[in-house]
Amino acid sequence: MMSYEDYQDRVLTCRDCGQDFVFSAGEQAFFASKGLTNPPARCPDCRAARRNGSRSQSSPRSSREQYEAVCSNCGRQTTVPFLPREDRPVYCSDCYQEVRSSRGGRRDESRSYSYSGSYEGGHGRGRERRGGRRW
């Protein structure tokens, strides 16, 4: 293993913001001690923003389309990140929390959640059967 003195500062370019940043000799030694072989792809500011849940403008989540709807419980106007359907209720955030807590965190009983697979040990997953074939 290389010692701290064997490393030299490197200038890298952040893949999110495009700014240059220094990957110091100390950071390189730390990465090596943890077994990390790839240098960081983001500058410290962008790494901190990702840790704190902030998203860059290029993130698909930040540009998710919102749809207007009327809450099925209180009648208040709201927006949701999915296209509402006539056969399913849509709730504002307050009513959704009430409905969710009244169910005790269980799945919606009106939906069909079934699993037709069987566990075939050793794989950690069940295998579904459809029409006599394995998928």
N, C-alpha and C. Protein backbone atom coordinates (compact mmCIF):
# COMPACT_ATOMS: atom_id res chain seq x y z
N MET A 1 0.84 -1.18 0.00
CA MET A 1 0.00 0.00 0.00
C MET A 1 0.88 1.24 0.00
N MET A 2 0.47 2.23 -0.75
CA MET A 2 1.25 3.46 -0.85
C MET A 2 1.02 4.32 0.39
N SER A 3 2.02 5.09 0.78
CA SER A 3 1.86 6.00 1.90
C SER A 3 1.34 7.34 1.40
N TYR A 4 0.94 8.19 2.32
CA TYR A 4 0.40 9.50 1.99
C TYR A 4 1.35 10.30 1.11
N GLU A 5 2.63 10.21 1.37
CA GLU A 5 3.63 10.97 0.62
C GLU A 5 3.75 10.51 -0.83
N ASP A 6 3.29 9.31 -1.14
CA ASP A 6 3.40 8.77 -2.49
C ASP A 6 2.35 9.34 -3.45
N TYR A 7 1.35 10.03 -2.90
CA TYR A 7 0.28 10.58 -3.72
C TYR A 7 0.54 12.05 -4.03
N GLN A 8 0.02 12.52 -5.15
CA GLN A 8 0.10 13.93 -5.51
C GLN A 8 -1.31 14.43 -5.79
N ASP A 9 -1.57 15.69 -5.49
CA ASP A 9 -2.87 16.28 -5.77
C ASP A 9 -3.19 16.17 -7.26
N ARG A 10 -4.45 15.88 -7.56
CA ARG A 10 -4.90 15.78 -8.95
C ARG A 10 -6.07 16.73 -9.15
N VAL A 11 -6.16 17.33 -10.31
CA VAL A 11 -7.29 18.19 -10.65
C VAL A 11 -8.26 17.37 -11.49
N LEU A 12 -9.51 17.30 -11.02
CA LEU A 12 -10.56 16.55 -11.70
C LEU A 12 -11.69 17.49 -12.08
N THR A 13 -12.55 17.08 -13.00
CA THR A 13 -13.70 17.87 -13.42
C THR A 13 -14.98 17.19 -12.95
N CYS A 14 -15.85 17.95 -12.29
CA CYS A 14 -17.11 17.44 -11.76
C CYS A 14 -18.05 17.11 -12.91
N ARG A 15 -18.67 15.92 -12.85
CA ARG A 15 -19.57 15.53 -13.94
C ARG A 15 -20.92 16.22 -13.84
N ASP A 16 -21.27 16.77 -12.68
CA ASP A 16 -22.56 17.46 -12.54
C ASP A 16 -22.47 18.93 -12.94
N CYS A 17 -21.53 19.67 -12.33
CA CYS A 17 -21.47 21.11 -12.56
C CYS A 17 -20.37 21.52 -13.54
N GLY A 18 -19.44 20.62 -13.87
CA GLY A 18 -18.38 20.91 -14.83
C GLY A 18 -17.22 21.71 -14.28
N GLN A 19 -17.22 22.02 -12.98
CA GLN A 19 -16.13 22.78 -12.36
C GLN A 19 -14.97 21.86 -12.02
N ASP A 20 -13.76 22.41 -12.10
CA ASP A 20 -12.57 21.67 -11.68
C ASP A 20 -12.48 21.67 -10.16
N PHE A 21 -12.00 20.57 -9.58
CA PHE A 21 -11.76 20.49 -8.15
C PHE A 21 -10.53 19.65 -7.90
N VAL A 22 -9.93 19.82 -6.73
CA VAL A 22 -8.68 19.13 -6.39
C VAL A 22 -9.01 17.86 -5.62
N PHE A 23 -8.47 16.76 -6.11
CA PHE A 23 -8.54 15.47 -5.42
C PHE A 23 -7.19 15.35 -4.71
N SER A 24 -7.18 15.75 -3.43
CA SER A 24 -5.92 15.89 -2.71
C SER A 24 -5.24 14.55 -2.45
N ALA A 25 -3.96 14.63 -2.12
CA ALA A 25 -3.17 13.43 -1.81
C ALA A 25 -3.77 12.71 -0.60
N GLY A 26 -4.25 13.47 0.37
CA GLY A 26 -4.87 12.87 1.55
C GLY A 26 -6.14 12.13 1.21
N GLU A 27 -6.96 12.72 0.33
CA GLU A 27 -8.19 12.06 -0.10
C GLU A 27 -7.87 10.78 -0.88
N GLN A 28 -6.84 10.85 -1.71
CA GLN A 28 -6.45 9.66 -2.48
C GLN A 28 -6.00 8.54 -1.54
N ALA A 29 -5.25 8.89 -0.51
CA ALA A 29 -4.81 7.88 0.46
C ALA A 29 -6.00 7.29 1.19
N PHE A 30 -6.96 8.15 1.55
CA PHE A 30 -8.17 7.67 2.23
C PHE A 30 -8.95 6.72 1.32
N PHE A 31 -9.16 7.11 0.06
CA PHE A 31 -9.85 6.25 -0.89
C PHE A 31 -9.16 4.89 -1.00
N ALA A 32 -7.83 4.92 -1.11
CA ALA A 32 -7.07 3.67 -1.24
C ALA A 32 -7.23 2.80 0.01
N SER A 33 -7.23 3.43 1.20
CA SER A 33 -7.36 2.67 2.44
C SER A 33 -8.72 1.99 2.55
N LYS A 34 -9.74 2.55 1.90
CA LYS A 34 -11.08 1.96 1.91
C LYS A 34 -11.29 1.00 0.74
N GLY A 35 -10.27 0.83 -0.10
CA GLY A 35 -10.37 -0.09 -1.22
C GLY A 35 -11.09 0.50 -2.42
N LEU A 36 -11.27 1.83 -2.44
CA LEU A 36 -11.94 2.48 -3.55
C LEU A 36 -10.92 2.78 -4.64
N THR A 37 -11.18 2.31 -5.84
CA THR A 37 -10.19 2.46 -6.91
C THR A 37 -10.52 3.60 -7.86
N ASN A 38 -11.78 4.02 -7.93
CA ASN A 38 -12.17 5.10 -8.83
C ASN A 38 -12.15 6.43 -8.09
N PRO A 39 -11.63 7.48 -8.71
CA PRO A 39 -11.66 8.80 -8.08
C PRO A 39 -13.09 9.34 -8.07
N PRO A 40 -13.39 10.32 -7.21
CA PRO A 40 -14.75 10.87 -7.18
C PRO A 40 -15.10 11.53 -8.51
N ALA A 41 -16.33 11.39 -8.93
CA ALA A 41 -16.77 11.99 -10.19
C ALA A 41 -17.39 13.36 -9.97
N ARG A 42 -17.69 13.71 -8.70
CA ARG A 42 -18.33 14.98 -8.38
C ARG A 42 -17.48 15.79 -7.42
N CYS A 43 -17.60 17.11 -7.52
CA CYS A 43 -16.88 18.00 -6.61
C CYS A 43 -17.50 17.88 -5.21
N PRO A 44 -16.80 18.36 -4.17
CA PRO A 44 -17.35 18.26 -2.82
C PRO A 44 -18.73 18.91 -2.66
N ASP A 45 -18.97 20.05 -3.33
CA ASP A 45 -20.28 20.70 -3.21
C ASP A 45 -21.39 19.84 -3.81
N CYS A 46 -21.16 19.26 -4.98
CA CYS A 46 -22.18 18.41 -5.61
C CYS A 46 -22.38 17.13 -4.82
N ARG A 47 -21.30 16.57 -4.24
CA ARG A 47 -21.45 15.38 -3.40
C ARG A 47 -22.30 15.69 -2.17
N ALA A 48 -22.06 16.86 -1.56
CA ALA A 48 -22.84 17.26 -0.38
C ALA A 48 -24.30 17.48 -0.75
N ALA A 49 -24.54 18.09 -1.91
CA ALA A 49 -25.91 18.33 -2.36
C ALA A 49 -26.64 17.01 -2.57
N ARG A 50 -25.98 16.01 -3.12
CA ARG A 50 -26.61 14.70 -3.32
C ARG A 50 -26.90 14.02 -2.00
N ARG A 51 -25.98 14.15 -1.03
CA ARG A 51 -26.22 13.56 0.29
C ARG A 51 -27.40 14.20 0.99
N ASN A 52 -27.59 15.49 0.79
CA ASN A 52 -28.67 16.22 1.45
C ASN A 52 -29.99 16.11 0.72
N GLY A 53 -30.03 15.37 -0.36
CA GLY A 53 -31.28 15.15 -1.08
C GLY A 53 -31.56 16.17 -2.16
N SER A 54 -30.70 17.14 -2.34
CA SER A 54 -30.90 18.11 -3.41
C SER A 54 -30.61 17.42 -4.72
N ARG A 55 -31.31 17.82 -5.74
CA ARG A 55 -31.11 17.20 -7.04
C ARG A 55 -30.74 18.27 -8.05
N SER A 56 -29.90 17.90 -8.98
CA SER A 56 -29.50 18.84 -10.01
C SER A 56 -30.65 19.07 -10.97
N GLN A 57 -30.55 20.11 -11.78
CA GLN A 57 -31.61 20.43 -12.72
C GLN A 57 -31.78 19.35 -13.78
N SER A 58 -30.74 18.57 -14.02
CA SER A 58 -30.83 17.55 -15.05
C SER A 58 -31.48 16.26 -14.54
N SER A 59 -31.82 16.23 -13.26
CA SER A 59 -32.41 15.03 -12.67
C SER A 59 -33.83 14.81 -13.18
N PRO A 60 -34.18 13.58 -13.55
CA PRO A 60 -35.53 13.31 -14.03
C PRO A 60 -36.59 13.57 -12.97
N ARG A 61 -36.28 13.38 -11.69
CA ARG A 61 -37.26 13.59 -10.63
C ARG A 61 -37.64 15.05 -10.48
N SER A 62 -36.66 15.95 -10.66
CA SER A 62 -36.97 17.36 -10.47
C SER A 62 -37.87 17.89 -11.59
N SER A 63 -37.90 17.23 -12.73
CA SER A 63 -38.72 17.71 -13.84
C SER A 63 -39.94 16.82 -14.07
N ARG A 64 -40.31 16.04 -13.06
CA ARG A 64 -41.46 15.15 -13.19
C ARG A 64 -42.73 15.96 -13.43
N GLU A 65 -43.51 15.54 -14.39
CA GLU A 65 -44.75 16.24 -14.72
C GLU A 65 -45.76 16.07 -13.59
N GLN A 66 -46.47 17.14 -13.27
CA GLN A 66 -47.51 17.12 -12.25
C GLN A 66 -48.87 17.27 -12.92
N TYR A 67 -49.88 16.63 -12.36
CA TYR A 67 -51.24 16.67 -12.90
C TYR A 67 -52.18 17.25 -11.84
N GLU A 68 -53.10 18.08 -12.27
CA GLU A 68 -54.07 18.64 -11.35
C GLU A 68 -55.19 17.64 -11.13
N ALA A 69 -55.68 17.61 -9.88
CA ALA A 69 -56.75 16.69 -9.52
C ALA A 69 -57.54 17.30 -8.37
N VAL A 70 -58.70 16.73 -8.10
CA VAL A 70 -59.53 17.13 -6.97
C VAL A 70 -59.50 15.98 -5.97
N CYS A 71 -59.21 16.31 -4.71
CA CYS A 71 -59.14 15.30 -3.67
C CYS A 71 -60.48 14.59 -3.52
N SER A 72 -60.47 13.26 -3.51
CA SER A 72 -61.69 12.47 -3.41
C SER A 72 -62.30 12.54 -2.01
N ASN A 73 -61.52 13.00 -1.03
CA ASN A 73 -62.00 13.04 0.34
C ASN A 73 -62.53 14.42 0.72
N CYS A 74 -61.75 15.48 0.51
CA CYS A 74 -62.14 16.82 0.97
C CYS A 74 -62.54 17.75 -0.17
N GLY A 75 -62.30 17.39 -1.43
CA GLY A 75 -62.68 18.21 -2.57
C GLY A 75 -61.72 19.34 -2.89
N ARG A 76 -60.59 19.38 -2.21
CA ARG A 76 -59.61 20.43 -2.44
C ARG A 76 -58.81 20.15 -3.71
N GLN A 77 -58.42 21.23 -4.43
CA GLN A 77 -57.59 21.11 -5.62
C GLN A 77 -56.18 20.70 -5.19
N THR A 78 -55.55 19.78 -5.89
CA THR A 78 -54.20 19.31 -5.57
C THR A 78 -53.48 18.93 -6.85
N THR A 79 -52.18 18.66 -6.73
CA THR A 79 -51.41 18.15 -7.87
C THR A 79 -50.77 16.83 -7.46
N VAL A 80 -50.66 15.94 -8.43
CA VAL A 80 -50.10 14.62 -8.18
C VAL A 80 -49.12 14.27 -9.30
N PRO A 81 -48.11 13.42 -9.03
CA PRO A 81 -47.10 13.08 -10.04
C PRO A 81 -47.50 11.93 -10.95
N PHE A 82 -48.79 11.66 -11.05
CA PHE A 82 -49.28 10.58 -11.92
C PHE A 82 -50.58 11.04 -12.56
N LEU A 83 -50.94 10.43 -13.65
CA LEU A 83 -52.17 10.76 -14.35
C LEU A 83 -53.34 10.09 -13.61
N PRO A 84 -54.23 10.90 -13.01
CA PRO A 84 -55.34 10.32 -12.25
C PRO A 84 -56.28 9.52 -13.15
N ARG A 85 -56.84 8.44 -12.59
CA ARG A 85 -57.81 7.61 -13.30
C ARG A 85 -59.15 7.74 -12.62
N GLU A 86 -60.21 7.59 -13.38
CA GLU A 86 -61.56 7.73 -12.84
C GLU A 86 -61.90 6.63 -11.83
N ASP A 87 -61.34 5.43 -12.01
CA ASP A 87 -61.69 4.30 -11.15
C ASP A 87 -60.90 4.24 -9.85
N ARG A 88 -59.98 5.18 -9.62
CA ARG A 88 -59.16 5.18 -8.40
C ARG A 88 -59.27 6.54 -7.71
N PRO A 89 -59.40 6.57 -6.38
CA PRO A 89 -59.47 7.84 -5.67
C PRO A 89 -58.11 8.54 -5.67
N VAL A 90 -58.15 9.88 -5.65
CA VAL A 90 -56.95 10.69 -5.56
C VAL A 90 -57.10 11.55 -4.32
N TYR A 91 -56.06 11.61 -3.49
CA TYR A 91 -56.13 12.36 -2.25
C TYR A 91 -55.08 13.48 -2.23
N CYS A 92 -55.41 14.58 -1.54
CA CYS A 92 -54.41 15.61 -1.28
C CYS A 92 -53.44 15.02 -0.24
N SER A 93 -52.34 15.68 0.01
CA SER A 93 -51.34 15.10 0.91
C SER A 93 -51.88 14.90 2.33
N ASP A 94 -52.73 15.83 2.82
CA ASP A 94 -53.29 15.68 4.17
C ASP A 94 -54.22 14.47 4.26
N CYS A 95 -55.13 14.36 3.31
CA CYS A 95 -56.07 13.24 3.32
C CYS A 95 -55.37 11.91 3.07
N TYR A 96 -54.34 11.93 2.24
CA TYR A 96 -53.59 10.70 1.99
C TYR A 96 -52.96 10.18 3.28
N GLN A 97 -52.41 11.10 4.08
CA GLN A 97 -51.81 10.69 5.35
C GLN A 97 -52.87 10.09 6.28
N GLU A 98 -54.07 10.69 6.30
CA GLU A 98 -55.15 10.14 7.12
C GLU A 98 -55.55 8.75 6.66
N VAL A 99 -55.75 8.59 5.36
CA VAL A 99 -56.15 7.29 4.80
C VAL A 99 -55.06 6.26 5.07
N ARG A 100 -53.83 6.65 4.87
CA ARG A 100 -52.71 5.73 5.07
C ARG A 100 -52.61 5.28 6.52
N SER A 101 -52.75 6.23 7.46
CA SER A 101 -52.64 5.86 8.87
C SER A 101 -53.84 5.04 9.34
N SER A 102 -55.02 5.27 8.76
CA SER A 102 -56.20 4.49 9.14
C SER A 102 -56.09 3.04 8.68
N ARG A 103 -55.31 2.81 7.63
CA ARG A 103 -55.09 1.43 7.15
C ARG A 103 -54.00 0.74 7.95
N GLY A 104 -53.31 1.48 8.80
CA GLY A 104 -52.25 0.87 9.60
C GLY A 104 -51.04 0.49 8.78
N GLY A 105 -50.81 1.18 7.66
CA GLY A 105 -49.64 0.88 6.85
C GLY A 105 -49.80 -0.35 5.97
N ARG A 106 -50.99 -0.96 6.01
CA ARG A 106 -51.20 -2.15 5.17
C ARG A 106 -51.49 -1.74 3.74
N ARG A 107 -51.35 -2.68 2.85
CA ARG A 107 -51.64 -2.43 1.43
C ARG A 107 -53.13 -2.24 1.23
N ASP A 108 -53.46 -1.57 0.17
CA ASP A 108 -54.85 -1.31 -0.21
C ASP A 108 -55.54 -2.65 -0.48
N GLU A 109 -56.60 -2.92 0.29
CA GLU A 109 -57.30 -4.20 0.17
C GLU A 109 -58.04 -4.34 -1.15
N SER A 110 -58.34 -3.21 -1.82
CA SER A 110 -59.08 -3.31 -3.07
C SER A 110 -58.20 -3.74 -4.23
N ARG A 111 -56.89 -3.66 -4.06
CA ARG A 111 -55.99 -4.09 -5.11
C ARG A 111 -55.67 -5.57 -4.93
N SER A 112 -55.35 -6.19 -6.00
CA SER A 112 -55.00 -7.61 -5.96
C SER A 112 -53.49 -7.75 -5.91
N TYR A 113 -52.96 -8.12 -4.75
CA TYR A 113 -51.54 -8.37 -4.61
C TYR A 113 -51.35 -9.86 -4.43
N SER A 114 -51.09 -10.54 -5.50
CA SER A 114 -50.91 -11.98 -5.38
C SER A 114 -49.58 -12.37 -5.97
N TYR A 115 -49.07 -13.43 -5.47
CA TYR A 115 -47.80 -13.95 -5.97
C TYR A 115 -48.02 -15.41 -6.30
N SER A 116 -47.76 -15.76 -7.53
CA SER A 116 -48.04 -17.13 -7.94
C SER A 116 -46.77 -17.96 -8.04
N GLY A 117 -45.72 -17.49 -7.42
CA GLY A 117 -44.45 -18.21 -7.53
C GLY A 117 -44.25 -19.17 -6.37
N SER A 118 -43.22 -19.94 -6.49
CA SER A 118 -42.84 -20.82 -5.40
C SER A 118 -41.36 -20.65 -5.17
N TYR A 119 -40.94 -20.78 -3.93
CA TYR A 119 -39.54 -20.60 -3.60
C TYR A 119 -38.77 -21.85 -3.98
N GLU A 120 -37.70 -21.67 -4.72
CA GLU A 120 -36.85 -22.78 -5.11
C GLU A 120 -35.50 -22.54 -4.49
N GLY A 121 -35.31 -22.91 -3.26
CA GLY A 121 -34.15 -22.61 -2.43
C GLY A 121 -32.84 -22.41 -3.16
N GLY A 122 -31.98 -21.59 -2.53
CA GLY A 122 -30.65 -21.38 -3.05
C GLY A 122 -30.52 -20.15 -3.94
N HIS A 123 -31.63 -19.61 -4.42
CA HIS A 123 -31.53 -18.46 -5.30
C HIS A 123 -31.94 -17.16 -4.61
N GLY A 124 -32.62 -17.25 -3.47
CA GLY A 124 -33.05 -16.06 -2.77
C GLY A 124 -34.25 -15.40 -3.42
N ARG A 125 -34.80 -15.99 -4.45
CA ARG A 125 -35.97 -15.43 -5.12
C ARG A 125 -36.94 -16.55 -5.44
N GLY A 126 -38.20 -16.20 -5.52
CA GLY A 126 -39.20 -17.16 -5.98
C GLY A 126 -39.19 -17.18 -7.49
N ARG A 127 -39.74 -18.17 -8.06
CA ARG A 127 -39.84 -18.26 -9.51
C ARG A 127 -41.31 -18.33 -9.88
N GLU A 128 -41.71 -17.45 -10.77
CA GLU A 128 -43.12 -17.44 -11.16
C GLU A 128 -43.37 -18.47 -12.25
N ARG A 129 -44.56 -19.00 -12.23
CA ARG A 129 -44.99 -19.92 -13.28
C ARG A 129 -46.19 -19.31 -13.98
N ARG A 130 -46.12 -19.26 -15.27
CA ARG A 130 -47.25 -18.77 -16.07
C ARG A 130 -47.41 -19.71 -17.24
N GLY A 131 -48.57 -20.26 -17.37
CA GLY A 131 -48.84 -21.13 -18.49
C GLY A 131 -47.92 -22.34 -18.54
N GLY A 132 -47.44 -22.80 -17.40
CA GLY A 132 -46.59 -23.97 -17.35
C GLY A 132 -45.14 -23.69 -17.69
N ARG A 133 -44.80 -22.43 -17.98
CA ARG A 133 -43.41 -22.10 -18.33
C ARG A 133 -42.78 -21.32 -17.19
N ARG A 134 -41.48 -21.44 -17.06
CA ARG A 134 -40.76 -20.65 -16.08
C ARG A 134 -40.31 -19.35 -16.71
N TRP A 135 -40.36 -18.28 -15.93
CA TRP A 135 -39.90 -16.97 -16.39
C TRP A 135 -38.67 -16.59 -15.66
